[in-house]
Protein backbone atom coordinates (compact mmCIF):
# COMPACT_ATOMS: atom_id res chain seq x y z
CA UNK A 1 11.13 10.53 -19.93
CA UNK A 2 8.44 8.84 -17.81
CA UNK A 3 5.61 10.97 -16.43
CA UNK A 4 3.16 9.83 -13.78
CA UNK A 5 1.52 11.03 -10.59
CA UNK A 6 3.08 9.94 -7.31
CA UNK A 7 0.86 10.37 -4.27
CA UNK A 8 -1.26 12.87 -6.25
CA UNK A 9 1.72 14.95 -7.40
CA UNK A 10 3.09 15.01 -10.96
CA UNK A 11 6.50 13.38 -11.39
CA UNK A 12 8.82 13.22 -14.36
CA UNK A 13 11.94 11.04 -14.37
CA UNK A 14 14.47 10.34 -17.09
CA UNK A 15 15.42 6.68 -16.62
CA UNK A 16 15.42 3.37 -18.47
CA UNK A 17 11.72 2.53 -19.09
CA UNK A 18 12.48 -1.09 -18.14
CA UNK A 19 13.59 -0.09 -14.63
CA UNK A 20 11.24 -1.60 -12.03
CA UNK A 21 9.02 0.95 -10.31
CA UNK A 22 10.39 -0.13 -6.91
CA UNK A 23 13.89 1.13 -7.71
CA UNK A 24 12.63 4.41 -9.13
CA UNK A 25 10.54 4.95 -5.99
CA UNK A 26 13.36 4.13 -3.57
CA UNK A 27 16.54 5.23 -5.34
CA UNK A 28 15.40 8.17 -7.45
CA UNK A 29 12.32 9.56 -5.72
CA UNK A 30 13.29 8.85 -2.10
CA UNK A 31 10.12 6.88 -1.25
CA UNK A 32 11.85 4.31 0.95
CA UNK A 33 8.71 3.09 2.71
CA UNK A 34 8.19 0.60 -0.10
CA UNK A 35 10.49 -2.36 0.54
CA UNK A 36 12.41 -4.88 -1.55
CA UNK A 37 11.64 -8.40 -0.41
CA UNK A 38 12.03 -11.02 -3.10
CA UNK A 39 12.22 -9.27 -6.49
CA UNK A 40 9.76 -11.81 -7.96
CA UNK A 41 6.36 -10.45 -6.87
CA UNK A 42 5.96 -13.29 -4.36
CA UNK A 43 6.18 -11.64 -0.94
CA UNK A 44 4.19 -8.40 -1.15
CA UNK A 45 6.75 -6.16 0.61
CA UNK A 46 6.86 -3.89 -2.45
CA UNK A 47 3.09 -3.42 -2.78
CA UNK A 48 1.91 0.00 -3.97
CA UNK A 49 -1.26 1.09 -5.72
CA UNK A 50 -1.44 1.78 -9.44
CA UNK A 51 -4.64 3.63 -10.29
CA UNK A 52 -6.06 2.35 -7.01
CA UNK A 53 -5.16 -1.31 -7.49
CA UNK A 54 -2.43 -3.11 -5.53
CA UNK A 55 0.57 -4.14 -7.60
CA UNK A 56 4.04 -5.50 -6.92
CA UNK A 57 6.41 -2.68 -7.77
CA UNK A 58 9.49 -4.94 -7.95
CA UNK A 59 8.34 -6.34 -11.30
CA UNK A 60 6.40 -3.39 -12.73
CA UNK A 61 8.44 -1.63 -15.43
CA UNK A 62 8.24 2.15 -15.46
CA UNK A 63 7.00 2.02 -19.05
CA UNK A 64 3.76 0.47 -17.76
CA UNK A 65 2.97 3.29 -15.35
CA UNK A 66 3.26 6.28 -17.68
CA UNK A 67 0.44 8.77 -17.14
CA UNK A 68 -0.99 6.77 -14.23
CA UNK A 69 -1.39 7.36 -10.49
CA UNK A 70 1.01 5.59 -8.10
CA UNK A 71 0.27 5.65 -4.38
CA UNK A 72 2.82 4.57 -1.79
CA UNK A 73 2.70 4.15 1.97
CA UNK A 74 3.97 7.73 2.25
CA UNK A 75 0.88 8.90 0.39
CA UNK A 76 -1.58 7.47 2.90
CA UNK A 77 -0.76 9.95 5.65
CA UNK A 78 2.17 12.12 6.57
CA UNK A 79 1.85 11.16 10.24
CA UNK A 80 0.19 7.70 10.34
CA UNK A 81 -3.30 9.16 10.72
CA UNK A 82 -4.85 6.91 8.06
CA UNK A 83 -7.46 4.59 9.66
CA UNK A 84 -5.60 1.44 8.57
CA UNK A 85 -2.36 2.76 10.03
CA UNK A 86 -4.22 3.65 13.24
CA UNK A 87 -5.64 0.12 13.45
CA UNK A 88 -2.13 -1.28 12.92
CA UNK A 89 -0.91 0.76 15.88
CA UNK A 90 -3.91 -0.15 18.04
CA UNK A 91 -3.24 -3.87 17.51
CA UNK A 92 0.57 -3.60 17.74
CA UNK A 93 0.83 -5.36 14.38
CA UNK A 94 4.48 -4.69 13.49
CA UNK A 95 7.17 -6.88 14.94
CA UNK A 96 10.23 -6.39 12.74
CA UNK A 97 8.12 -4.11 10.53
CA UNK A 98 9.75 -4.95 7.22
CA UNK A 99 6.60 -6.22 5.48
CA UNK A 100 4.26 -3.67 7.00
CA UNK A 101 4.08 -1.08 4.22
CA UNK A 102 3.09 -3.80 1.76
CA UNK A 103 0.64 -5.32 4.24
CA UNK A 104 -0.96 -1.92 4.86
CA UNK A 105 -1.22 -1.08 1.15
CA UNK A 106 -2.87 -4.45 0.50
CA UNK A 107 -5.25 -3.94 3.44
CA UNK A 108 -6.25 -0.52 2.10
CA UNK A 109 -7.03 -2.06 -1.30
CA UNK A 110 -8.96 -4.88 0.38
CA UNK A 111 -11.13 -2.41 2.29
CA UNK A 112 -11.76 -0.38 -0.85
CA UNK A 113 -13.13 -3.51 -2.56
CA UNK A 114 -14.70 -5.18 0.48
CA UNK A 115 -15.72 -2.60 3.12
CA UNK A 116 -16.81 -5.27 5.62
CA UNK A 117 -14.68 -8.34 4.87
CA UNK A 118 -15.15 -11.67 6.60
CA UNK A 119 -12.24 -13.88 7.68
CA UNK A 120 -12.21 -15.84 4.42
CA UNK A 121 -12.10 -12.67 2.32
CA UNK A 122 -9.27 -11.25 4.43
CA UNK A 123 -7.29 -14.50 4.21
CA UNK A 124 -7.79 -14.77 0.47
CA UNK A 125 -6.94 -11.13 -0.30
CA UNK A 126 -3.91 -10.94 1.98
CA UNK A 127 -2.39 -14.32 1.07
CA UNK A 128 0.19 -12.76 -1.26
CA UNK A 129 1.74 -10.79 1.60
CA UNK A 130 4.28 -12.72 3.63
CA UNK A 131 5.09 -11.82 7.24
CA UNK A 132 8.13 -13.75 8.39
CA UNK A 133 7.36 -12.79 12.00
CA UNK A 134 3.92 -14.41 11.80
CA UNK A 135 1.78 -11.48 12.91
CA UNK A 136 -1.17 -12.68 10.80
CA UNK A 137 -3.69 -12.76 13.69
CA UNK A 138 -2.87 -9.12 14.54
CA UNK A 139 -3.05 -8.15 10.85
CA UNK A 140 -6.51 -9.70 10.58
CA UNK A 141 -7.67 -7.99 13.79
CA UNK A 142 -6.38 -4.64 12.55
CA UNK A 143 -8.19 -5.04 9.22
CA UNK A 144 -11.43 -5.77 11.07
CA UNK A 145 -10.94 -2.70 13.27
CA UNK A 146 -10.20 -0.52 10.25
CA UNK A 147 -13.32 -1.88 8.52
CA UNK A 148 -15.45 -0.90 11.53
CA UNK A 149 -13.85 2.54 11.60
CA UNK A 150 -14.41 2.92 7.86
CA UNK A 151 -18.12 3.21 8.45
CA UNK A 152 -17.40 6.93 8.94
CA UNK A 153 -17.24 7.40 5.13
CA UNK A 154 -13.48 7.42 4.67
CA UNK A 155 -12.10 7.15 1.16
CA UNK A 156 -9.10 4.88 1.68
CA UNK A 157 -7.62 5.38 -1.76
CA UNK A 158 -7.29 9.14 -1.27
CA UNK A 159 -6.60 9.18 2.44
CA UNK A 160 -9.39 11.74 2.91
CA UNK A 161 -12.76 11.85 4.52
CA UNK A 162 -15.52 12.05 1.93
CA UNK A 163 -16.51 15.70 1.69
CA UNK A 164 -13.56 16.83 3.80
CA UNK A 165 -9.87 16.46 4.32
CA UNK A 166 -7.79 13.90 6.16
């Protein structure tokens, strides 16, 4: 039995502890926003947060997440109201959309660590996320917009305004 919090809610699943988190999220818990891309932690499509840090869920065994907090794209906002998601929409970032949940989760982590990132910081932090459609300029623009909007004291990891609710 593996116990952890998923998007701030307690979860308990009875599965092989070696199962990758990605498959538990998608196949058992119905969190299909997180995508399978390469299965080798090289593309970033499966990025989620583990205790606030971005990880590749395709290679993370469930045994490693026991009693921890996992946040998925579904946990950011029920209706795409999160500031990073809003910036993505404003800049029309998605083309095919397949990589976008991983891109967004990485961008949220980036902004938590670097609230006002420069181009070099964005490029360095986002380099593990591959977009086969090549929307990198729009991704960078959206991150910059979200960073400007973050000045309103938004806690990206929780998806809530500081002192209030999302």
